[in-house]
Amino acid sequence: MQKLEIVGKPISNIFIALSHLLVDNIHNTENPEDIFGAIILLHQQVKKDILLDGHYRHFKGGEYETVGLGFREKTQEWIVVYRSLYDSRDYPKGTLWGRLEDDFIGLHKSGVRRFVYIGK
């Protein structure tokens, strides 16, 4: 399966459409948590197909490697977890970072892509 990169487009609309399909097709459960759990798993899979694993260059410089997706329980938002591939003045190589996934794959306020995929 080929992975797609969608830049500057919120994937929440994709999630909503797919979650409706999923809920419409879940039967024989009386536990709403089963449905919620299934939707979370589907959402994570969709994101894995959109967000490419590998190395990215930040628009201000520096390269990073994606580690995975995390879920911020307090706000119910997905974050991209990534690590630096270089030493900086303030942070050593390998420092882990987390950014809201829409911010990671989206555009900076200046109109440029915040992170550009550069490969594995």
Protein backbone atom coordinates (compact mmCIF):
# COMPACT_ATOMS: atom_id res chain seq x y z
CA MET A 1 0.00 0.00 0.00
CA GLN A 2 1.43 3.35 -1.04
CA LYS A 3 1.54 5.98 1.66
CA LEU A 4 0.30 9.48 0.93
CA GLU A 5 1.51 12.79 2.28
CA ILE A 6 -1.16 15.43 2.66
CA VAL A 7 0.27 18.85 3.34
CA GLY A 8 -1.73 21.69 4.80
CA LYS A 9 -5.01 19.77 4.82
CA PRO A 10 -6.65 18.88 8.13
CA ILE A 11 -7.19 15.15 8.30
CA SER A 12 -9.95 15.54 10.85
CA ASN A 13 -12.44 15.56 7.96
CA ILE A 14 -11.08 12.20 6.81
CA PHE A 15 -11.41 10.88 10.36
CA ILE A 16 -15.01 12.05 10.64
CA ALA A 17 -16.01 10.38 7.38
CA LEU A 18 -14.26 7.13 8.25
CA SER A 19 -15.60 7.10 11.80
CA HIS A 20 -19.15 7.40 10.46
CA LEU A 21 -18.50 4.44 8.20
CA LEU A 22 -17.05 2.50 11.09
CA VAL A 23 -19.90 3.27 13.47
CA ASP A 24 -22.48 2.42 10.80
CA ASN A 25 -20.83 -0.97 10.40
CA ILE A 26 -20.34 -1.91 14.07
CA HIS A 27 -23.08 -4.19 15.32
CA ASN A 28 -23.67 -6.45 18.30
CA THR A 29 -22.08 -4.28 20.95
CA GLU A 30 -23.71 -2.64 23.92
CA ASN A 31 -20.52 -1.02 25.13
CA PRO A 32 -19.85 2.47 23.69
CA GLU A 33 -16.19 2.12 24.72
CA ASP A 34 -15.82 -0.67 22.14
CA ILE A 35 -16.89 1.75 19.42
CA PHE A 36 -14.68 4.55 20.72
CA GLY A 37 -11.70 2.19 20.89
CA ALA A 38 -12.31 1.03 17.32
CA ILE A 39 -12.53 4.63 16.11
CA ILE A 40 -9.26 5.54 17.87
CA LEU A 41 -7.51 2.58 16.22
CA LEU A 42 -8.90 3.54 12.82
CA HIS A 43 -7.87 7.15 13.28
CA GLN A 44 -4.34 6.10 14.20
CA GLN A 45 -4.12 3.86 11.13
CA VAL A 46 -5.29 6.68 8.85
CA LYS A 47 -2.64 8.95 10.32
CA LYS A 48 0.05 6.32 9.81
CA ASP A 49 -0.90 6.17 6.16
CA ILE A 50 -0.72 9.97 5.81
CA LEU A 51 2.32 10.75 7.93
CA LEU A 52 5.38 9.11 6.40
CA ASP A 53 7.89 7.51 8.75
CA GLY A 54 11.37 8.84 8.26
CA HIS A 55 13.42 12.00 8.30
CA TYR A 56 12.12 15.54 8.01
CA ARG A 57 13.81 18.92 7.66
CA HIS A 58 12.34 21.80 9.67
CA PHE A 59 11.86 25.02 7.71
CA LYS A 60 14.18 26.87 10.11
CA GLY A 61 16.86 24.19 9.75
CA GLY A 62 17.69 20.98 11.50
CA GLU A 63 16.64 17.44 10.74
CA TYR A 64 14.32 15.19 12.72
CA GLU A 65 13.12 11.59 12.66
CA THR A 66 9.53 10.66 13.42
CA VAL A 67 9.13 8.21 16.29
CA GLY A 68 5.37 7.70 16.20
CA LEU A 69 2.02 9.12 17.12
CA GLY A 70 0.92 9.94 20.63
CA PHE A 71 -2.45 10.82 22.06
CA ARG A 72 -2.71 13.78 24.42
CA GLU A 73 -5.36 12.55 26.82
CA LYS A 74 -6.09 15.93 28.37
CA THR A 75 -7.11 17.56 25.08
CA GLN A 76 -7.99 14.43 23.07
CA GLU A 77 -5.53 15.49 20.35
CA TRP A 78 -2.97 13.50 18.36
CA ILE A 79 0.66 14.53 18.47
CA VAL A 80 3.62 13.55 16.34
CA VAL A 81 6.58 12.42 18.43
CA TYR A 82 9.92 13.07 16.78
CA ARG A 83 13.62 13.28 17.73
CA SER A 84 16.37 15.65 16.71
CA LEU A 85 19.17 14.28 14.56
CA TYR A 86 21.62 17.01 15.48
CA ASP A 87 23.11 18.75 18.51
CA SER A 88 22.03 22.30 19.14
CA ARG A 89 23.22 24.87 21.61
CA ASP A 90 20.31 24.15 23.95
CA TYR A 91 19.35 20.52 23.26
CA PRO A 92 21.40 17.39 22.58
CA LYS A 93 20.94 15.12 19.58
CA GLY A 94 18.13 12.65 20.24
CA THR A 95 15.92 15.07 22.20
CA LEU A 96 12.29 13.97 21.85
CA TRP A 97 9.70 16.51 20.77
CA GLY A 98 5.93 16.42 20.40
CA ARG A 99 3.84 18.62 18.13
CA LEU A 100 0.15 18.57 17.31
CA GLU A 101 -0.17 16.51 14.16
CA ASP A 102 -1.97 19.26 12.24
CA ASP A 103 0.94 21.60 13.05
CA PHE A 104 3.51 19.00 12.06
CA ILE A 105 2.06 18.26 8.62
CA GLY A 106 0.68 21.75 8.08
CA LEU A 107 1.94 25.12 7.04
CA HIS A 108 3.68 27.67 9.19
CA LYS A 109 1.95 31.07 9.43
CA SER A 110 4.47 32.33 6.85
CA GLY A 111 2.94 29.93 4.32
CA VAL A 112 5.84 27.49 4.11
CA ARG A 113 5.64 23.85 5.12
CA ARG A 114 6.82 23.44 8.69
CA PHE A 115 8.42 20.04 8.03
CA VAL A 116 9.49 18.63 4.67
CA TYR A 117 9.87 14.87 4.23
CA ILE A 118 13.41 14.00 3.06
CA GLY A 119 13.32 10.19 3.19
CA LYS A 120 14.05 7.22 5.42
